[in-house]
Full PDB file with SEQRES, HELIX, SHEET, SSBOND, CRYST1, ORIGX, SCALE, CONECT and MASTER records, all heavy atoms in Angstrom:
SEQRES   1 A   32  ALA GLU ASP PRO ARG PRO LEU SER ASP ALA ARG THR ALA          
SEQRES   2 A   32  GLU ARG ARG VAL VAL GLY THR CYS ARG HIS PHE ALA THR          
SEQRES   3 A   32  LEU ALA THR ALA LEU LEU                                      
HELIX    1 AA1 ALA A   13  ARG A   15  5                                   3    
HELIX    2 AA2 CYS A   21  LEU A   31  1                                  11    
CRYST1    1.000    1.000    1.000  90.00  90.00  90.00 P 1           1          
ORIGX1      1.000000  0.000000  0.000000        0.00000                         
ORIGX2      0.000000  1.000000  0.000000        0.00000                         
ORIGX3      0.000000  0.000000  1.000000        0.00000                         
SCALE1      1.000000  0.000000  0.000000        0.00000                         
SCALE2      0.000000  1.000000  0.000000        0.00000                         
SCALE3      0.000000  0.000000  1.000000        0.00000                         
ATOM      1  N   ALA A   1      18.066 148.543  42.684  1.00  0.00           N  
ATOM      2  CA  ALA A   1      19.132 147.743  43.208  1.00  0.00           C  
ATOM      3  C   ALA A   1      18.606 146.401  43.715  1.00  0.00           C  
ATOM      4  O   ALA A   1      19.311 145.354  43.646  1.00  0.00           O  
ATOM      5  CB  ALA A   1      19.888 148.493  44.302  1.00  0.00           C  
ATOM      6  N   GLU A   2      17.426 146.384  44.197  1.00  0.00           N  
ATOM      7  CA  GLU A   2      16.749 145.143  44.689  1.00  0.00           C  
ATOM      8  C   GLU A   2      15.947 144.453  43.623  1.00  0.00           C  
ATOM      9  O   GLU A   2      15.863 143.246  43.657  1.00  0.00           O  
ATOM     10  CB  GLU A   2      15.845 145.499  45.853  1.00  0.00           C  
ATOM     11  CG  GLU A   2      16.550 146.056  47.106  1.00  0.00           C  
ATOM     12  CD  GLU A   2      17.492 145.040  47.713  1.00  0.00           C  
ATOM     13  OE1 GLU A   2      17.153 143.850  47.728  1.00  0.00           O  
ATOM     14  OE2 GLU A   2      18.606 145.460  48.100  1.00  0.00           O  
ATOM     15  N   ASP A   3      15.410 145.203  42.646  1.00  0.00           N  
ATOM     16  CA  ASP A   3      14.541 144.649  41.637  1.00  0.00           C  
ATOM     17  C   ASP A   3      14.512 145.590  40.477  1.00  0.00           C  
ATOM     18  O   ASP A   3      13.942 146.659  40.528  1.00  0.00           O  
ATOM     19  CB  ASP A   3      13.126 144.464  42.190  1.00  0.00           C  
ATOM     20  CG  ASP A   3      12.214 143.766  41.208  1.00  0.00           C  
ATOM     21  OD1 ASP A   3      12.426 143.820  40.016  1.00  0.00           O  
ATOM     22  OD2 ASP A   3      11.207 143.139  41.722  1.00  0.00           O  
ATOM     23  N   PRO A   4      15.164 145.281  39.314  1.00  0.00           N  
ATOM     24  CA  PRO A   4      15.336 146.226  38.200  1.00  0.00           C  
ATOM     25  C   PRO A   4      14.195 146.301  37.317  1.00  0.00           C  
ATOM     26  O   PRO A   4      14.243 147.034  36.268  1.00  0.00           O  
ATOM     27  CB  PRO A   4      16.546 145.610  37.438  1.00  0.00           C  
ATOM     28  CG  PRO A   4      16.448 144.135  37.728  1.00  0.00           C  
ATOM     29  CD  PRO A   4      15.922 143.978  39.100  1.00  0.00           C  
ATOM     30  N   ARG A   5      13.027 145.719  37.598  1.00  0.00           N  
ATOM     31  CA  ARG A   5      11.878 145.764  36.763  1.00  0.00           C  
ATOM     32  C   ARG A   5      11.250 147.169  36.723  1.00  0.00           C  
ATOM     33  O   ARG A   5      11.542 148.004  37.605  1.00  0.00           O  
ATOM     34  CB  ARG A   5      10.840 144.787  37.214  1.00  0.00           C  
ATOM     35  CG  ARG A   5      11.228 143.281  37.052  1.00  0.00           C  
ATOM     36  CD  ARG A   5      10.157 142.368  37.531  1.00  0.00           C  
ATOM     37  NE  ARG A   5       9.885 142.641  38.970  1.00  0.00           N  
ATOM     38  CZ  ARG A   5       8.744 142.272  39.552  1.00  0.00           C  
ATOM     39  NH1 ARG A   5       7.721 141.761  38.807  1.00  0.00           N  
ATOM     40  NH2 ARG A   5       8.536 142.561  40.827  1.00  0.00           N  
ATOM     41  N   PRO A   6      10.390 147.452  35.761  1.00  0.00           N  
ATOM     42  CA  PRO A   6       9.738 148.746  35.716  1.00  0.00           C  
ATOM     43  C   PRO A   6       8.994 149.068  37.008  1.00  0.00           C  
ATOM     44  O   PRO A   6       8.566 148.173  37.709  1.00  0.00           O  
ATOM     45  CB  PRO A   6       8.747 148.624  34.483  1.00  0.00           C  
ATOM     46  CG  PRO A   6       9.380 147.570  33.652  1.00  0.00           C  
ATOM     47  CD  PRO A   6      10.047 146.622  34.599  1.00  0.00           C  
ATOM     48  N   LEU A   7       8.762 150.341  37.244  1.00  0.00           N  
ATOM     49  CA  LEU A   7       8.069 150.763  38.469  1.00  0.00           C  
ATOM     50  C   LEU A   7       6.611 150.353  38.512  1.00  0.00           C  
ATOM     51  O   LEU A   7       6.020 150.401  39.591  1.00  0.00           O  
ATOM     52  CB  LEU A   7       8.240 152.292  38.654  1.00  0.00           C  
ATOM     53  CG  LEU A   7       9.634 152.796  38.701  1.00  0.00           C  
ATOM     54  CD1 LEU A   7       9.610 154.358  38.952  1.00  0.00           C  
ATOM     55  CD2 LEU A   7      10.450 152.161  39.817  1.00  0.00           C  
ATOM     56  N   SER A   8       6.056 150.003  37.406  1.00  0.00           N  
ATOM     57  CA  SER A   8       4.674 149.530  37.366  1.00  0.00           C  
ATOM     58  C   SER A   8       4.516 148.142  37.925  1.00  0.00           C  
ATOM     59  O   SER A   8       3.404 147.700  38.226  1.00  0.00           O  
ATOM     60  CB  SER A   8       4.165 149.546  35.929  1.00  0.00           C  
ATOM     61  OG  SER A   8       4.983 148.814  35.088  1.00  0.00           O  
ATOM     62  N   ASP A   9       5.635 147.402  38.063  1.00  0.00           N  
ATOM     63  CA  ASP A   9       5.570 146.047  38.546  1.00  0.00           C  
ATOM     64  C   ASP A   9       5.619 146.062  40.094  1.00  0.00           C  
ATOM     65  O   ASP A   9       6.570 146.596  40.718  1.00  0.00           O  
ATOM     66  CB  ASP A   9       6.766 145.224  38.023  1.00  0.00           C  
ATOM     67  CG  ASP A   9       6.720 144.966  36.546  1.00  0.00           C  
ATOM     68  OD1 ASP A   9       5.754 145.483  35.916  1.00  0.00           O  
ATOM     69  OD2 ASP A   9       7.543 144.240  36.035  1.00  0.00           O  
ATOM     70  N   ALA A  10       4.610 145.497  40.732  1.00  0.00           N  
ATOM     71  CA  ALA A  10       4.511 145.514  42.182  1.00  0.00           C  
ATOM     72  C   ALA A  10       5.694 144.662  42.754  1.00  0.00           C  
ATOM     73  O   ALA A  10       5.980 143.640  42.291  1.00  0.00           O  
ATOM     74  CB  ALA A  10       3.182 144.934  42.636  1.00  0.00           C  
ATOM     75  N   ARG A  11       6.286 145.221  43.827  1.00  0.00           N  
ATOM     76  CA  ARG A  11       7.357 144.537  44.488  1.00  0.00           C  
ATOM     77  C   ARG A  11       6.777 143.781  45.756  1.00  0.00           C  
ATOM     78  O   ARG A  11       5.839 144.310  46.362  1.00  0.00           O  
ATOM     79  CB  ARG A  11       8.392 145.563  45.035  1.00  0.00           C  
ATOM     80  CG  ARG A  11       9.560 145.808  44.120  1.00  0.00           C  
ATOM     81  CD  ARG A  11       9.203 146.447  42.837  1.00  0.00           C  
ATOM     82  NE  ARG A  11      10.424 146.935  42.127  1.00  0.00           N  
ATOM     83  CZ  ARG A  11      10.349 147.450  40.915  1.00  0.00           C  
ATOM     84  NH1 ARG A  11       9.221 147.590  40.295  1.00  0.00           N  
ATOM     85  NH2 ARG A  11      11.479 147.837  40.349  1.00  0.00           N  
ATOM     86  N   THR A  12       7.333 142.650  46.002  1.00  0.00           N  
ATOM     87  CA  THR A  12       7.011 141.998  47.265  1.00  0.00           C  
ATOM     88  C   THR A  12       7.679 142.837  48.341  1.00  0.00           C  
ATOM     89  O   THR A  12       8.606 143.586  48.137  1.00  0.00           O  
ATOM     90  CB  THR A  12       7.574 140.524  47.266  1.00  0.00           C  
ATOM     91  OG1 THR A  12       8.968 140.566  46.907  1.00  0.00           O  
ATOM     92  CG2 THR A  12       6.806 139.699  46.299  1.00  0.00           C  
ATOM     93  N   ALA A  13       7.221 142.608  49.558  1.00  0.00           N  
ATOM     94  CA  ALA A  13       7.605 143.516  50.729  1.00  0.00           C  
ATOM     95  C   ALA A  13       9.133 143.632  50.887  1.00  0.00           C  
ATOM     96  O   ALA A  13       9.622 144.701  51.114  1.00  0.00           O  
ATOM     97  CB  ALA A  13       6.918 143.027  51.961  1.00  0.00           C  
ATOM     98  N   GLU A  14       9.810 142.538  50.754  1.00  0.00           N  
ATOM     99  CA  GLU A  14      11.296 142.536  50.983  1.00  0.00           C  
ATOM    100  C   GLU A  14      12.078 143.274  49.914  1.00  0.00           C  
ATOM    101  O   GLU A  14      13.222 143.550  50.067  1.00  0.00           O  
ATOM    102  CB  GLU A  14      11.804 141.099  51.201  1.00  0.00           C  
ATOM    103  CG  GLU A  14      11.986 140.267  49.881  1.00  0.00           C  
ATOM    104  CD  GLU A  14      10.662 139.631  49.476  1.00  0.00           C  
ATOM    105  OE1 GLU A  14       9.589 139.924  50.088  1.00  0.00           O  
ATOM    106  OE2 GLU A  14      10.703 138.869  48.534  1.00  0.00           O  
ATOM    107  N   ARG A  15      11.405 143.580  48.792  1.00  0.00           N  
ATOM    108  CA  ARG A  15      12.095 144.278  47.685  1.00  0.00           C  
ATOM    109  C   ARG A  15      11.663 145.730  47.567  1.00  0.00           C  
ATOM    110  O   ARG A  15      12.011 146.381  46.517  1.00  0.00           O  
ATOM    111  CB  ARG A  15      11.890 143.509  46.400  1.00  0.00           C  
ATOM    112  CG  ARG A  15      12.581 142.138  46.366  1.00  0.00           C  
ATOM    113  CD  ARG A  15      12.562 141.501  45.025  1.00  0.00           C  
ATOM    114  NE  ARG A  15      13.164 140.199  45.031  1.00  0.00           N  
ATOM    115  CZ  ARG A  15      14.467 139.984  44.942  1.00  0.00           C  
ATOM    116  NH1 ARG A  15      15.326 141.029  44.826  1.00  0.00           N  
ATOM    117  NH2 ARG A  15      14.959 138.749  44.979  1.00  0.00           N  
ATOM    118  N   ARG A  16      10.977 146.239  48.517  1.00  0.00           N  
ATOM    119  CA  ARG A  16      10.549 147.651  48.476  1.00  0.00           C  
ATOM    120  C   ARG A  16      11.599 148.474  49.180  1.00  0.00           C  
ATOM    121  O   ARG A  16      12.406 147.989  49.960  1.00  0.00           O  
ATOM    122  CB  ARG A  16       9.199 147.798  49.208  1.00  0.00           C  
ATOM    123  CG  ARG A  16       8.095 147.012  48.528  1.00  0.00           C  
ATOM    124  CD  ARG A  16       6.747 147.097  49.329  1.00  0.00           C  
ATOM    125  NE  ARG A  16       5.767 146.239  48.670  1.00  0.00           N  
ATOM    126  CZ  ARG A  16       4.551 146.045  49.130  1.00  0.00           C  
ATOM    127  NH1 ARG A  16       4.159 146.663  50.298  1.00  0.00           N  
ATOM    128  NH2 ARG A  16       3.715 145.207  48.512  1.00  0.00           N  
ATOM    129  N   VAL A  17      11.573 149.709  48.894  1.00  0.00           N  
ATOM    130  CA  VAL A  17      12.518 150.682  49.527  1.00  0.00           C  
ATOM    131  C   VAL A  17      11.969 151.000  50.912  1.00  0.00           C  
ATOM    132  O   VAL A  17      10.803 151.153  51.081  1.00  0.00           O  
ATOM    133  CB  VAL A  17      12.756 151.943  48.703  1.00  0.00           C  
ATOM    134  CG1 VAL A  17      11.469 152.808  48.586  1.00  0.00           C  
ATOM    135  CG2 VAL A  17      13.932 152.785  49.229  1.00  0.00           C  
ATOM    136  N   VAL A  18      12.816 151.151  51.867  1.00  0.00           N  
ATOM    137  CA  VAL A  18      12.430 151.498  53.203  1.00  0.00           C  
ATOM    138  C   VAL A  18      12.213 152.986  53.298  1.00  0.00           C  
ATOM    139  O   VAL A  18      13.137 153.804  53.009  1.00  0.00           O  
ATOM    140  CB  VAL A  18      13.503 151.048  54.282  1.00  0.00           C  
ATOM    141  CG1 VAL A  18      13.029 151.441  55.674  1.00  0.00           C  
ATOM    142  CG2 VAL A  18      13.684 149.517  54.195  1.00  0.00           C  
ATOM    143  N   GLY A  19      11.007 153.415  53.703  1.00  0.00           N  
ATOM    144  CA  GLY A  19      10.737 154.841  53.781  1.00  0.00           C  
ATOM    145  C   GLY A  19       9.464 155.114  54.595  1.00  0.00           C  
ATOM    146  O   GLY A  19       8.710 154.216  54.935  1.00  0.00           O  
ATOM    147  N   THR A  20       9.239 156.416  54.862  1.00  0.00           N  
ATOM    148  CA  THR A  20       8.069 156.799  55.635  1.00  0.00           C  
ATOM    149  C   THR A  20       7.022 157.340  54.736  1.00  0.00           C  
ATOM    150  O   THR A  20       7.097 157.248  53.492  1.00  0.00           O  
ATOM    151  CB  THR A  20       8.517 157.949  56.574  1.00  0.00           C  
ATOM    152  OG1 THR A  20       8.851 159.092  55.802  1.00  0.00           O  
ATOM    153  CG2 THR A  20       9.709 157.555  57.404  1.00  0.00           C  
ATOM    154  N   CYS A  21       5.911 157.839  55.350  1.00  0.00           N  
ATOM    155  CA  CYS A  21       4.837 158.450  54.603  1.00  0.00           C  
ATOM    156  C   CYS A  21       5.359 159.557  53.671  1.00  0.00           C  
ATOM    157  O   CYS A  21       4.852 159.809  52.584  1.00  0.00           O  
ATOM    158  CB  CYS A  21       3.802 159.025  55.522  1.00  0.00           C  
ATOM    159  SG  CYS A  21       4.422 160.111  56.790  1.00  0.00           S  
ATOM    160  N   ARG A  22       6.446 160.183  54.051  1.00  0.00           N  
ATOM    161  CA  ARG A  22       7.034 161.234  53.249  1.00  0.00           C  
ATOM    162  C   ARG A  22       7.637 160.693  51.944  1.00  0.00           C  
ATOM    163  O   ARG A  22       7.533 161.285  50.872  1.00  0.00           O  
ATOM    164  CB  ARG A  22       8.177 161.996  54.020  1.00  0.00           C  
ATOM    165  CG  ARG A  22       8.880 163.012  53.236  1.00  0.00           C  
ATOM    166  CD  ARG A  22      10.210 162.445  52.666  1.00  0.00           C  
ATOM    167  NE  ARG A  22      10.908 163.438  51.862  1.00  0.00           N  
ATOM    168  CZ  ARG A  22      11.878 163.040  51.001  1.00  0.00           C  
ATOM    169  NH1 ARG A  22      12.201 161.819  50.820  1.00  0.00           N  
ATOM    170  NH2 ARG A  22      12.414 164.034  50.277  1.00  0.00           N  
ATOM    171  N   HIS A  23       8.166 159.432  51.985  1.00  0.00           N  
ATOM    172  CA  HIS A  23       8.709 158.816  50.814  1.00  0.00           C  
ATOM    173  C   HIS A  23       7.591 158.404  49.831  1.00  0.00           C  
ATOM    174  O   HIS A  23       7.703 158.492  48.598  1.00  0.00           O  
ATOM    175  CB  HIS A  23       9.584 157.625  51.174  1.00  0.00           C  
ATOM    176  CG  HIS A  23      10.791 158.023  51.912  1.00  0.00           C  
ATOM    177  ND1 HIS A  23      10.769 158.377  53.208  1.00  0.00           N  
ATOM    178  CD2 HIS A  23      12.112 158.091  51.513  1.00  0.00           C  
ATOM    179  CE1 HIS A  23      12.024 158.704  53.624  1.00  0.00           C  
ATOM    180  NE2 HIS A  23      12.807 158.560  52.602  1.00  0.00           N  
ATOM    181  N   PHE A  24       6.456 157.858  50.417  1.00  0.00           N  
ATOM    182  CA  PHE A  24       5.313 157.568  49.537  1.00  0.00           C  
ATOM    183  C   PHE A  24       4.888 158.840  48.811  1.00  0.00           C  
ATOM    184  O   PHE A  24       4.662 158.835  47.620  1.00  0.00           O  
ATOM    185  CB  PHE A  24       4.163 157.111  50.408  1.00  0.00           C  
ATOM    186  CG  PHE A  24       4.200 155.682  50.912  1.00  0.00           C  
ATOM    187  CD1 PHE A  24       4.800 155.344  52.147  1.00  0.00           C  
ATOM    188  CD2 PHE A  24       3.665 154.642  50.177  1.00  0.00           C  
ATOM    189  CE1 PHE A  24       4.868 154.052  52.574  1.00  0.00           C  
ATOM    190  CE2 PHE A  24       3.738 153.310  50.579  1.00  0.00           C  
ATOM    191  CZ  PHE A  24       4.343 153.040  51.786  1.00  0.00           C  
ATOM    192  N   ALA A  25       4.769 159.965  49.578  1.00  0.00           N  
ATOM    193  CA  ALA A  25       4.293 161.244  48.998  1.00  0.00           C  
ATOM    194  C   ALA A  25       5.249 161.827  48.015  1.00  0.00           C  
ATOM    195  O   ALA A  25       4.847 162.280  46.914  1.00  0.00           O  
ATOM    196  CB  ALA A  25       4.008 162.243  50.130  1.00  0.00           C  
ATOM    197  N   THR A  26       6.561 161.758  48.335  1.00  0.00           N  
ATOM    198  CA  THR A  26       7.528 162.369  47.447  1.00  0.00           C  
ATOM    199  C   THR A  26       7.721 161.589  46.129  1.00  0.00           C  
ATOM    200  O   THR A  26       7.826 162.224  45.028  1.00  0.00           O  
ATOM    201  CB  THR A  26       8.933 162.489  48.186  1.00  0.00           C  
ATOM    202  OG1 THR A  26       8.758 163.303  49.302  1.00  0.00           O  
ATOM    203  CG2 THR A  26       9.952 163.125  47.278  1.00  0.00           C  
ATOM    204  N   LEU A  27       7.698 160.292  46.216  1.00  0.00           N  
ATOM    205  CA  LEU A  27       7.827 159.484  44.989  1.00  0.00           C  
ATOM    206  C   LEU A  27       6.613 159.641  44.147  1.00  0.00           C  
ATOM    207  O   LEU A  27       6.711 159.827  42.918  1.00  0.00           O  
ATOM    208  CB  LEU A  27       8.056 158.008  45.371  1.00  0.00           C  
ATOM    209  CG  LEU A  27       8.274 157.034  44.158  1.00  0.00           C  
ATOM    210  CD1 LEU A  27       9.442 157.501  43.369  1.00  0.00           C  
ATOM    211  CD2 LEU A  27       8.460 155.611  44.668  1.00  0.00           C  
ATOM    212  N   ALA A  28       5.379 159.656  44.715  1.00  0.00           N  
ATOM    213  CA  ALA A  28       4.200 159.867  43.963  1.00  0.00           C  
ATOM    214  C   ALA A  28       4.177 161.284  43.315  1.00  0.00           C  
ATOM    215  O   ALA A  28       3.827 161.377  42.144  1.00  0.00           O  
ATOM    216  CB  ALA A  28       2.979 159.741  44.851  1.00  0.00           C  
ATOM    217  N   THR A  29       4.641 162.272  44.038  1.00  0.00           N  
ATOM    218  CA  THR A  29       4.738 163.599  43.488  1.00  0.00           C  
ATOM    219  C   THR A  29       5.654 163.638  42.299  1.00  0.00           C  
ATOM    220  O   THR A  29       5.365 164.269  41.232  1.00  0.00           O  
ATOM    221  CB  THR A  29       5.217 164.584  44.554  1.00  0.00           C  
ATOM    222  OG1 THR A  29       4.285 164.648  45.628  1.00  0.00           O  
ATOM    223  CG2 THR A  29       5.382 165.994  43.960  1.00  0.00           C  
ATOM    224  N   ALA A  30       6.810 162.988  42.401  1.00  0.00           N  
ATOM    225  CA  ALA A  30       7.769 162.926  41.277  1.00  0.00           C  
ATOM    226  C   ALA A  30       7.152 162.279  40.022  1.00  0.00           C  
ATOM    227  O   ALA A  30       7.304 162.771  38.953  1.00  0.00           O  
ATOM    228  CB  ALA A  30       9.033 162.181  41.708  1.00  0.00           C  
ATOM    229  N   LEU A  31       6.416 161.204  40.251  1.00  0.00           N  
ATOM    230  CA  LEU A  31       5.847 160.486  39.123  1.00  0.00           C  
ATOM    231  C   LEU A  31       4.675 161.209  38.475  1.00  0.00           C  
ATOM    232  O   LEU A  31       4.473 161.161  37.268  1.00  0.00           O  
ATOM    233  CB  LEU A  31       5.421 159.078  39.557  1.00  0.00           C  
ATOM    234  CG  LEU A  31       6.629 158.179  40.020  1.00  0.00           C  
ATOM    235  CD1 LEU A  31       6.104 156.845  40.594  1.00  0.00           C  
ATOM    236  CD2 LEU A  31       7.567 157.872  38.831  1.00  0.00           C  
ATOM    237  N   LEU A  32       3.899 161.898  39.333  1.00  0.00           N  
ATOM    238  CA  LEU A  32       2.835 162.718  38.781  1.00  0.00           C  
ATOM    239  C   LEU A  32       3.381 163.914  37.970  1.00  0.00           C  
ATOM    240  O   LEU A  32       2.856 164.210  36.871  1.00  0.00           O  
ATOM    241  CB  LEU A  32       1.982 163.251  39.900  1.00  0.00           C  
ATOM    242  CG  LEU A  32       1.045 162.158  40.563  1.00  0.00           C  
ATOM    243  CD1 LEU A  32       0.473 162.698  41.905  1.00  0.00           C  
ATOM    244  CD2 LEU A  32      -0.128 161.811  39.615  1.00  0.00           C  
TER     245      LEU A  32                                                      
MASTER        0    0    0    2    0    0    0    6  244    1    0    3          
END                                                                             
């Protein structure tokens, strides 16, 4: 919704999703 590019493209800070360490871990788990 903030940046429609592929997930391999690094986002600048203001275009990242707001989340905790749990969101880092859960998204990485999903992609692995």
